[in-house]
PDB file of N, CA and C in Angstrom:
ATOM      1  N   MET A   1     -47.092  -3.091 -67.042  1.00  0.00           N
ATOM      2  CA  MET A   1     -46.952  -3.636 -65.723  1.00  0.00           C
ATOM      3  C   MET A   1     -46.102  -2.932 -64.689  1.00  0.00           C
ATOM      4  N   ARG A   2     -44.808  -2.383 -65.581  1.00  0.00           N
ATOM      5  CA  ARG A   2     -44.065  -1.777 -64.891  1.00  0.00           C
ATOM      6  C   ARG A   2     -44.124  -0.413 -64.574  1.00  0.00           C
ATOM      7  N   LYS A   3     -45.749  -0.037 -64.944  1.00  0.00           N
ATOM      8  CA  LYS A   3     -46.152   1.576 -64.844  1.00  0.00           C
ATOM      9  C   LYS A   3     -46.513   1.605 -63.518  1.00  0.00           C
ATOM     10  N   LEU A   4     -47.504   0.502 -63.674  1.00  0.00           N
ATOM     11  CA  LEU A   4     -48.288   0.172 -62.256  1.00  0.00           C
ATOM     12  C   LEU A   4     -47.973   0.110 -61.390  1.00  0.00           C
ATOM     13  N   ALA A   5     -46.721  -0.715 -61.059  1.00  0.00           N
ATOM     14  CA  ALA A   5     -45.794  -1.026 -60.157  1.00  0.00           C
ATOM     15  C   ALA A   5     -45.023   0.418 -59.322  1.00  0.00           C
ATOM     16  N   VAL A   6     -44.599   1.231 -60.300  1.00  0.00           N
ATOM     17  CA  VAL A   6     -44.067   2.483 -60.199  1.00  0.00           C
ATOM     18  C   VAL A   6     -45.212   3.510 -59.524  1.00  0.00           C
ATOM     19  N   THR A   7     -46.201   3.467 -60.011  1.00  0.00           N
ATOM     20  CA  THR A   7     -47.458   4.360 -59.716  1.00  0.00           C
ATOM     21  C   THR A   7     -47.774   4.115 -57.997  1.00  0.00           C
ATOM     22  N   LEU A   8     -48.042   2.685 -58.092  1.00  0.00           N
ATOM     23  CA  LEU A   8     -48.161   2.212 -56.755  1.00  0.00           C
ATOM     24  C   LEU A   8     -47.109   2.687 -55.644  1.00  0.00           C
ATOM     25  N   THR A   9     -46.099   2.568 -56.151  1.00  0.00           N
ATOM     26  CA  THR A   9     -45.116   3.040 -55.272  1.00  0.00           C
ATOM     27  C   THR A   9     -44.956   4.139 -55.092  1.00  0.00           C
ATOM     28  N   VAL A  10     -45.156   5.190 -55.911  1.00  0.00           N
ATOM     29  CA  VAL A  10     -45.242   6.562 -55.597  1.00  0.00           C
ATOM     30  C   VAL A  10     -46.359   6.926 -54.901  1.00  0.00           C
ATOM     31  N   ALA A  11     -47.177   6.481 -55.006  1.00  0.00           N
ATOM     32  CA  ALA A  11     -48.896   6.541 -54.060  1.00  0.00           C
ATOM     33  C   ALA A  11     -48.418   6.175 -52.953  1.00  0.00           C
ATOM     34  N   SER A  12     -47.820   5.142 -52.378  1.00  0.00           N
ATOM     35  CA  SER A  12     -47.742   4.528 -51.068  1.00  0.00           C
ATOM     36  C   SER A  12     -47.072   5.628 -50.465  1.00  0.00           C
ATOM     37  N   LEU A  13     -45.807   5.820 -51.173  1.00  0.00           N
ATOM     38  CA  LEU A  13     -44.561   7.150 -50.627  1.00  0.00           C
ATOM     39  C   LEU A  13     -45.341   8.528 -50.235  1.00  0.00           C
ATOM     40  N   ILE A  14     -46.210   8.890 -51.153  1.00  0.00           N
ATOM     41  CA  ILE A  14     -47.224  10.046 -50.708  1.00  0.00           C
ATOM     42  C   ILE A  14     -47.938  10.046 -49.280  1.00  0.00           C
ATOM     43  N   LEU A  15     -48.573   9.020 -49.734  1.00  0.00           N
ATOM     44  CA  LEU A  15     -49.576   8.867 -48.180  1.00  0.00           C
ATOM     45  C   LEU A  15     -48.770   8.225 -46.949  1.00  0.00           C
ATOM     46  N   ALA A  16     -47.892   7.897 -47.044  1.00  0.00           N
ATOM     47  CA  ALA A  16     -46.893   7.593 -45.623  1.00  0.00           C
ATOM     48  C   ALA A  16     -46.535   8.893 -45.273  1.00  0.00           C
ATOM     49  N   GLY A  17     -46.082   9.826 -46.603  1.00  0.00           N
ATOM     50  CA  GLY A  17     -45.504  11.050 -46.037  1.00  0.00           C
ATOM     51  C   GLY A  17     -46.305  11.893 -45.620  1.00  0.00           C
ATOM     52  N   CYS A  18     -47.634  11.751 -45.630  1.00  0.00           N
ATOM     53  CA  CYS A  18     -48.979  12.532 -45.546  1.00  0.00           C
ATOM     54  C   CYS A  18     -49.273  12.221 -44.082  1.00  0.00           C
ATOM     55  N   ASN A  19     -49.309  10.729 -43.572  1.00  0.00           N
ATOM     56  CA  ASN A  19     -49.443  10.578 -42.342  1.00  0.00           C
ATOM     57  C   ASN A  19     -48.740  11.015 -41.086  1.00  0.00           C
ATOM     58  N   ASN A  20     -47.383  10.818 -41.952  1.00  0.00           N
ATOM     59  CA  ASN A  20     -46.051  11.305 -41.112  1.00  0.00           C
ATOM     60  C   ASN A  20     -46.393  12.958 -40.499  1.00  0.00           C
ATOM     61  N   ALA A  21     -46.716  13.946 -41.756  1.00  0.00           N
ATOM     62  CA  ALA A  21     -47.003  14.875 -41.440  1.00  0.00           C
ATOM     63  C   ALA A  21     -48.107  15.277 -40.614  1.00  0.00           C
ATOM     64  N   ASN A  22     -49.327  14.474 -40.446  1.00  0.00           N
ATOM     65  CA  ASN A  22     -50.539  14.475 -39.494  1.00  0.00           C
ATOM     66  C   ASN A  22     -49.936  14.242 -37.982  1.00  0.00           C
ATOM     67  N   GLN A  23     -49.097  13.247 -38.057  1.00  0.00           N
ATOM     68  CA  GLN A  23     -48.654  12.764 -36.687  1.00  0.00           C
ATOM     69  C   GLN A  23     -47.846  13.659 -36.093  1.00  0.00           C
ATOM     70  N   GLN A  24     -46.977  14.778 -36.699  1.00  0.00           N
ATOM     71  CA  GLN A  24     -46.275  15.688 -36.474  1.00  0.00           C
ATOM     72  C   GLN A  24     -47.092  16.732 -35.803  1.00  0.00           C
ATOM     73  N   LYS A  25     -48.334  17.313 -36.692  1.00  0.00           N
ATOM     74  CA  LYS A  25     -48.889  18.518 -36.133  1.00  0.00           C
ATOM     75  C   LYS A  25     -49.716  17.508 -34.810  1.00  0.00           C
ATOM     76  N   GLU A  26     -49.744  16.398 -34.626  1.00  0.00           N
ATOM     77  CA  GLU A  26     -50.636  16.307 -33.149  1.00  0.00           C
ATOM     78  C   GLU A  26     -49.624  16.301 -32.184  1.00  0.00           C
ATOM     79  N   THR A  27     -48.199  16.311 -32.610  1.00  0.00           N
ATOM     80  CA  THR A  27     -47.279  16.158 -31.428  1.00  0.00           C
ATOM     81  C   THR A  27     -47.042  17.642 -31.256  1.00  0.00           C
ATOM     82  N   ASP A  28     -46.817  18.493 -32.260  1.00  0.00           N
ATOM     83  CA  ASP A  28     -47.314  19.729 -31.777  1.00  0.00           C
ATOM     84  C   ASP A  28     -48.005  20.612 -31.156  1.00  0.00           C
ATOM     85  N   LYS A  29     -49.131  20.156 -31.339  1.00  0.00           N
ATOM     86  CA  LYS A  29     -50.443  20.242 -30.447  1.00  0.00           C
ATOM     87  C   LYS A  29     -50.104  20.332 -28.912  1.00  0.00           C
ATOM     88  N   ASN A  30     -49.556  19.313 -28.899  1.00  0.00           N
ATOM     89  CA  ASN A  30     -49.251  18.892 -27.310  1.00  0.00           C
ATOM     90  C   ASN A  30     -48.070  19.716 -26.934  1.00  0.00           C
ATOM     91  N   ASN A  31     -47.417  19.878 -27.291  1.00  0.00           N
ATOM     92  CA  ASN A  31     -46.329  20.740 -26.691  1.00  0.00           C
ATOM     93  C   ASN A  31     -46.484  22.089 -26.682  1.00  0.00           C
ATOM     94  N   LYS A  32     -47.195  22.587 -25.496  1.00  0.00           N
ATOM     95  CA  LYS A  32     -47.462  24.047 -25.196  1.00  0.00           C
ATOM     96  C   LYS A  32     -46.092  24.939 -24.672  1.00  0.00           C
ATOM     97  N   LEU A  33     -45.887  26.270 -25.359  1.00  0.00           N
ATOM     98  CA  LEU A  33     -45.101  26.804 -25.358  1.00  0.00           C
ATOM     99  C   LEU A  33     -45.312  27.879 -23.956  1.00  0.00           C
ATOM    100  N   GLU A  34     -44.483  27.560 -23.098  1.00  0.00           N
ATOM    101  CA  GLU A  34     -44.573  28.351 -21.466  1.00  0.00           C
ATOM    102  C   GLU A  34     -43.309  29.468 -21.675  1.00  0.00           C
ATOM    103  N   LEU A  35     -44.361  30.650 -21.335  1.00  0.00           N
ATOM    104  CA  LEU A  35     -43.451  32.013 -21.249  1.00  0.00           C
ATOM    105  C   LEU A  35     -43.619  32.569 -19.840  1.00  0.00           C
ATOM    106  N   THR A  36     -42.330  33.134 -19.631  1.00  0.00           N
ATOM    107  CA  THR A  36     -42.299  33.799 -18.374  1.00  0.00           C
ATOM    108  C   THR A  36     -42.322  35.285 -18.454  1.00  0.00           C
ATOM    109  N   GLN A  37     -43.045  35.974 -17.722  1.00  0.00           N
ATOM    110  CA  GLN A  37     -42.787  37.029 -17.806  1.00  0.00           C
ATOM    111  C   GLN A  37     -41.567  37.921 -16.830  1.00  0.00           C
ATOM    112  N   GLU A  38     -40.842  37.221 -16.608  1.00  0.00           N
ATOM    113  CA  GLU A  38     -39.302  37.834 -15.903  1.00  0.00           C
ATOM    114  C   GLU A  38     -38.737  38.265 -16.737  1.00  0.00           C
ATOM    115  N   TRP A  39     -37.793  39.697 -16.451  1.00  0.00           N
ATOM    116  CA  TRP A  39     -36.955  40.129 -17.638  1.00  0.00           C
ATOM    117  C   TRP A  39     -35.468  38.997 -17.811  1.00  0.00           C
ATOM    118  N   ASP A  40     -35.421  38.913 -19.079  1.00  0.00           N
ATOM    119  CA  ASP A  40     -34.311  37.853 -19.528  1.00  0.00           C
ATOM    120  C   ASP A  40     -33.700  38.410 -20.558  1.00  0.00           C
ATOM    121  N   LYS A  41     -33.379  39.695 -20.625  1.00  0.00           N
ATOM    122  CA  LYS A  41     -32.243  40.220 -21.663  1.00  0.00           C
ATOM    123  C   LYS A  41     -31.094  40.341 -21.358  1.00  0.00           C
ATOM    124  N   VAL A  42     -30.435  41.089 -22.230  1.00  0.00           N
ATOM    125  CA  VAL A  42     -28.920  41.596 -21.593  1.00  0.00           C
ATOM    126  C   VAL A  42     -28.795  42.687 -21.263  1.00  0.00           C
ATOM    127  N   PHE A  43     -29.429  43.668 -21.709  1.00  0.00           N
ATOM    128  CA  PHE A  43     -29.601  45.081 -21.499  1.00  0.00           C
ATOM    129  C   PHE A  43     -30.366  45.274 -20.356  1.00  0.00           C
ATOM    130  N   PRO A  44     -30.146  46.243 -19.623  1.00  0.00           N
ATOM    131  CA  PRO A  44     -30.947  46.594 -18.485  1.00  0.00           C
ATOM    132  C   PRO A  44     -32.272  46.929 -18.769  1.00  0.00           C
ATOM    133  N   GLN A  45     -33.244  46.856 -17.763  1.00  0.00           N
ATOM    134  CA  GLN A  45     -34.679  47.228 -18.135  1.00  0.00           C
ATOM    135  C   GLN A  45     -34.963  48.619 -17.693  1.00  0.00           C
ATOM    136  N   SER A  46     -35.495  49.031 -18.591  1.00  0.00           N
ATOM    137  CA  SER A  46     -35.977  50.508 -18.484  1.00  0.00           C
ATOM    138  C   SER A  46     -37.551  50.581 -17.857  1.00  0.00           C
ATOM    139  N   ASP A  47     -37.582  51.773 -16.739  1.00  0.00           N
ATOM    140  CA  ASP A  47     -38.675  51.710 -16.154  1.00  0.00           C
ATOM    141  C   ASP A  47     -39.772  52.615 -17.402  1.00  0.00           C
ATOM    142  N   ASN A  48     -39.334  53.241 -18.311  1.00  0.00           N
ATOM    143  CA  ASN A  48     -40.120  54.014 -19.361  1.00  0.00           C
ATOM    144  C   ASN A  48     -40.706  53.152 -20.338  1.00  0.00           C
ATOM    145  N   VAL A  49     -40.586  51.664 -20.565  1.00  0.00           N
ATOM    146  CA  VAL A  49     -40.673  50.696 -21.379  1.00  0.00           C
ATOM    147  C   VAL A  49     -41.599  49.638 -20.778  1.00  0.00           C
ATOM    148  N   ASN A  50     -42.844  49.409 -21.200  1.00  0.00           N
ATOM    149  CA  ASN A  50     -43.708  47.919 -20.723  1.00  0.00           C
ATOM    150  C   ASN A  50     -43.050  47.423 -21.360  1.00  0.00           C
ATOM    151  N   HIS A  51     -43.075  45.966 -20.835  1.00  0.00           N
ATOM    152  CA  HIS A  51     -42.536  44.736 -21.288  1.00  0.00           C
ATOM    153  C   HIS A  51     -43.773  43.528 -21.037  1.00  0.00           C
ATOM    154  N   CYS A  52     -43.819  43.054 -22.533  1.00  0.00           N
ATOM    155  CA  CYS A  52     -44.467  41.637 -22.155  1.00  0.00           C
ATOM    156  C   CYS A  52     -44.163  40.774 -23.127  1.00  0.00           C
ATOM    157  N   LYS A  53     -44.418  39.586 -23.428  1.00  0.00           N
ATOM    158  CA  LYS A  53     -44.211  38.405 -24.096  1.00  0.00           C
ATOM    159  C   LYS A  53     -44.992  37.992 -24.733  1.00  0.00           C
ATOM    160  N   VAL A  54     -45.168  38.044 -26.437  1.00  0.00           N
ATOM    161  CA  VAL A  54     -46.625  37.850 -27.003  1.00  0.00           C
ATOM    162  C   VAL A  54     -45.950  36.462 -28.044  1.00  0.00           C
ATOM    163  N   ILE A  55     -46.994  35.848 -28.319  1.00  0.00           N
ATOM    164  CA  ILE A  55     -46.849  34.437 -29.561  1.00  0.00           C
ATOM    165  C   ILE A  55     -47.861  35.457 -30.674  1.00  0.00           C
ATOM    166  N   PHE A  56     -47.259  34.983 -31.910  1.00  0.00           N
ATOM    167  CA  PHE A  56     -48.018  35.106 -33.096  1.00  0.00           C
ATOM    168  C   PHE A  56     -47.847  33.722 -34.100  1.00  0.00           C
ATOM    169  N   HIS A  57     -49.058  33.305 -34.204  1.00  0.00           N
ATOM    170  CA  HIS A  57     -49.033  31.998 -35.166  1.00  0.00           C
ATOM    171  C   HIS A  57     -49.706  32.302 -36.543  1.00  0.00           C
ATOM    172  N   ASN A  58     -49.056  31.908 -37.367  1.00  0.00           N
ATOM    173  CA  ASN A  58     -49.223  31.998 -38.843  1.00  0.00           C
ATOM    174  C   ASN A  58     -50.032  30.836 -39.407  1.00  0.00           C
ATOM    175  N   ARG A  59     -50.607  31.104 -40.613  1.00  0.00           N
ATOM    176  CA  ARG A  59     -51.590  29.859 -40.881  1.00  0.00           C
ATOM    177  C   ARG A  59     -50.860  28.502 -40.887  1.00  0.00           C
ATOM    178  N   TYR A  60     -49.409  28.531 -41.178  1.00  0.00           N
ATOM    179  CA  TYR A  60     -49.106  26.969 -41.083  1.00  0.00           C
ATOM    180  C   TYR A  60     -48.971  26.508 -39.551  1.00  0.00           C
ATOM    181  N   GLY A  61     -49.344  27.010 -38.485  1.00  0.00           N
ATOM    182  CA  GLY A  61     -49.274  26.942 -37.189  1.00  0.00           C
ATOM    183  C   GLY A  61     -47.706  26.825 -36.980  1.00  0.00           C
ATOM    184  N   ILE A  62     -46.929  27.830 -37.449  1.00  0.00           N
ATOM    185  CA  ILE A  62     -45.745  28.140 -36.915  1.00  0.00           C
ATOM    186  C   ILE A  62     -45.949  29.497 -35.897  1.00  0.00           C
TER     187      ILE A  62
END
């Protein structure tokens, strides 16, 4: 009986964690990253270099 109670407790914690992770993914999808193309570096901008900002997403969505 005790094994069953422990198993059910662990299973409910795992399911709660999965649900929380899915909610976090939805929140992350709603937060869009806005990039500006203005120069925001400490060093001076050179005319010999083309400057643009890029975003890369890996397979984990980071």
